[in-house]
Amino acid sequence: MNYEGPKFSLGDIVLFEQEHMGEMVTDLGIVVSTPTLIFSHRWPTEEKKENFWSYDIKVMDNLFKMVPEAFLRSLKDEVKIKDSQRE
């Protein structure tokens, strides 16, 4: 759950999560917009509100608008995972 601010910033390199669009969009994307807060909700069992962010993502010649943060993963995270698998 995201109780903090947005996970990505303008200019970040991202990949689409495999279970959402990863098979259709396999190239790297770049965040080309500032984060947009699309929804904020307080669950009955939680004290803080959970924030749901979206971004515009440019992949090659395609622009994907208002992509939910949950659909994306950071290239930085991928590098960390691959580095830890080597050790």
C-alpha atoms as a PDB file:
ATOM      1  CA  MET A   1       0.000   0.000   0.000  1.00  0.00           C
ATOM      2  CA  ASN A   2       1.197   3.493  -0.769  1.00  0.00           C
ATOM      3  CA  TYR A   3       0.725   5.849   2.148  1.00  0.00           C
ATOM      4  CA  GLU A   4       3.507   8.096   0.945  1.00  0.00           C
ATOM      5  CA  GLY A   5       3.937  10.298  -2.073  1.00  0.00           C
ATOM      6  CA  PRO A   6       4.319   9.058  -5.636  1.00  0.00           C
ATOM      7  CA  LYS A   7       6.832   6.317  -6.402  1.00  0.00           C
ATOM      8  CA  PHE A   8       8.055   7.773  -9.732  1.00  0.00           C
ATOM      9  CA  SER A   9       9.214  11.192 -10.935  1.00  0.00           C
ATOM     10  CA  LEU A  10       9.365  12.932 -14.286  1.00  0.00           C
ATOM     11  CA  GLY A  11      12.134  11.320 -16.346  1.00  0.00           C
ATOM     12  CA  ASP A  12      12.238   7.972 -14.513  1.00  0.00           C
ATOM     13  CA  ILE A  13      12.743   4.856 -16.651  1.00  0.00           C
ATOM     14  CA  VAL A  14      10.023   2.231 -16.069  1.00  0.00           C
ATOM     15  CA  LEU A  15       8.755  -1.142 -17.247  1.00  0.00           C
ATOM     16  CA  PHE A  16       5.162  -2.341 -17.325  1.00  0.00           C
ATOM     17  CA  GLU A  17       4.331  -5.042 -14.773  1.00  0.00           C
ATOM     18  CA  GLN A  18       4.127  -8.447 -16.451  1.00  0.00           C
ATOM     19  CA  GLU A  19       0.645  -9.310 -15.170  1.00  0.00           C
ATOM     20  CA  HIS A  20      -0.887  -6.044 -16.402  1.00  0.00           C
ATOM     21  CA  MET A  21       0.650  -5.139 -19.766  1.00  0.00           C
ATOM     22  CA  GLY A  22       4.144  -6.615 -19.669  1.00  0.00           C
ATOM     23  CA  GLU A  23       3.594  -9.051 -22.521  1.00  0.00           C
ATOM     24  CA  MET A  24       2.142  -6.385 -24.835  1.00  0.00           C
ATOM     25  CA  VAL A  25       4.613  -3.610 -23.959  1.00  0.00           C
ATOM     26  CA  THR A  26       8.098  -5.052 -23.513  1.00  0.00           C
ATOM     27  CA  ASP A  27      10.189  -1.919 -24.205  1.00  0.00           C
ATOM     28  CA  LEU A  28      11.382   0.523 -21.589  1.00  0.00           C
ATOM     29  CA  GLY A  29       9.249   3.594 -20.988  1.00  0.00           C
ATOM     30  CA  ILE A  30       9.940   7.029 -19.617  1.00  0.00           C
ATOM     31  CA  VAL A  31       7.704   9.005 -17.276  1.00  0.00           C
ATOM     32  CA  VAL A  32       6.775  12.164 -19.211  1.00  0.00           C
ATOM     33  CA  SER A  33       4.384  13.776 -16.734  1.00  0.00           C
ATOM     34  CA  THR A  34       4.309  14.770 -13.121  1.00  0.00           C
ATOM     35  CA  PRO A  35       2.409  12.280 -10.921  1.00  0.00           C
ATOM     36  CA  THR A  36      -1.363  12.693 -10.756  1.00  0.00           C
ATOM     37  CA  LEU A  37      -3.224  11.679  -7.601  1.00  0.00           C
ATOM     38  CA  ILE A  38      -6.240   9.855  -8.993  1.00  0.00           C
ATOM     39  CA  PHE A  39      -7.705   8.519  -5.770  1.00  0.00           C
ATOM     40  CA  SER A  40      -7.112   8.595  -2.029  1.00  0.00           C
ATOM     41  CA  HIS A  41      -8.911   6.158   0.254  1.00  0.00           C
ATOM     42  CA  ARG A  42      -8.916   5.359   3.948  1.00  0.00           C
ATOM     43  CA  TRP A  43      -9.558   1.657   4.560  1.00  0.00           C
ATOM     44  CA  PRO A  44     -11.619   0.854   7.677  1.00  0.00           C
ATOM     45  CA  THR A  45      -8.737  -1.131   9.188  1.00  0.00           C
ATOM     46  CA  GLU A  46      -6.041   1.481   8.496  1.00  0.00           C
ATOM     47  CA  GLU A  47      -5.236   4.819  10.120  1.00  0.00           C
ATOM     48  CA  LYS A  48      -3.727   6.505   7.056  1.00  0.00           C
ATOM     49  CA  LYS A  49      -5.136   7.091   3.603  1.00  0.00           C
ATOM     50  CA  GLU A  50      -3.789   5.044   0.702  1.00  0.00           C
ATOM     51  CA  ASN A  51      -2.887   7.105  -2.378  1.00  0.00           C
ATOM     52  CA  PHE A  52      -3.285   5.921  -5.968  1.00  0.00           C
ATOM     53  CA  TRP A  53      -1.074   7.739  -8.507  1.00  0.00           C
ATOM     54  CA  SER A  54      -0.982   7.745 -12.308  1.00  0.00           C
ATOM     55  CA  TYR A  55       1.571   8.846 -14.916  1.00  0.00           C
ATOM     56  CA  ASP A  56       1.875   9.454 -18.646  1.00  0.00           C
ATOM     57  CA  ILE A  57       4.416   6.990 -20.065  1.00  0.00           C
ATOM     58  CA  LYS A  58       6.188   7.299 -23.424  1.00  0.00           C
ATOM     59  CA  VAL A  59       7.280   3.989 -24.999  1.00  0.00           C
ATOM     60  CA  MET A  60       8.894   4.334 -28.413  1.00  0.00           C
ATOM     61  CA  ASP A  61       6.314   6.295 -30.489  1.00  0.00           C
ATOM     62  CA  ASN A  62       3.403   5.515 -28.151  1.00  0.00           C
ATOM     63  CA  LEU A  63       2.057   7.636 -25.301  1.00  0.00           C
ATOM     64  CA  PHE A  64       0.131   5.822 -22.573  1.00  0.00           C
ATOM     65  CA  LYS A  65      -1.923   8.289 -20.528  1.00  0.00           C
ATOM     66  CA  MET A  66      -2.842   7.997 -16.856  1.00  0.00           C
ATOM     67  CA  VAL A  67      -1.145   4.643 -16.272  1.00  0.00           C
ATOM     68  CA  PRO A  68      -1.736   3.535 -12.664  1.00  0.00           C
ATOM     69  CA  GLU A  69       1.392   3.300 -10.535  1.00  0.00           C
ATOM     70  CA  ALA A  70       0.559  -0.347  -9.729  1.00  0.00           C
ATOM     71  CA  PHE A  71       1.036  -1.188 -13.436  1.00  0.00           C
ATOM     72  CA  LEU A  72       4.668  -0.002 -13.404  1.00  0.00           C
ATOM     73  CA  ARG A  73       7.985  -1.068 -11.951  1.00  0.00           C
ATOM     74  CA  SER A  74      11.208   0.868 -11.810  1.00  0.00           C
ATOM     75  CA  LEU A  75      14.227  -0.016 -13.909  1.00  0.00           C
ATOM     76  CA  LYS A  76      16.287   0.711 -10.767  1.00  0.00           C
ATOM     77  CA  ASP A  77      14.429  -2.113  -8.978  1.00  0.00           C
ATOM     78  CA  GLU A  78      15.183  -4.493 -11.859  1.00  0.00           C
ATOM     79  CA  VAL A  79      18.900  -3.733 -11.659  1.00  0.00           C
ATOM     80  CA  LYS A  80      18.914  -4.323  -7.886  1.00  0.00           C
ATOM     81  CA  ILE A  81      17.117  -7.676  -8.306  1.00  0.00           C
ATOM     82  CA  LYS A  82      19.523  -8.882 -10.999  1.00  0.00           C
ATOM     83  CA  ASP A  83      22.549  -7.759  -8.972  1.00  0.00           C
ATOM     84  CA  SER A  84      21.310  -9.622  -5.888  1.00  0.00           C
ATOM     85  CA  GLN A  85      20.743 -12.790  -7.961  1.00  0.00           C
ATOM     86  CA  ARG A  86      24.388 -12.744  -9.044  1.00  0.00           C
ATOM     87  CA  GLU A  87      25.671 -12.766  -5.471  1.00  0.00           C
END
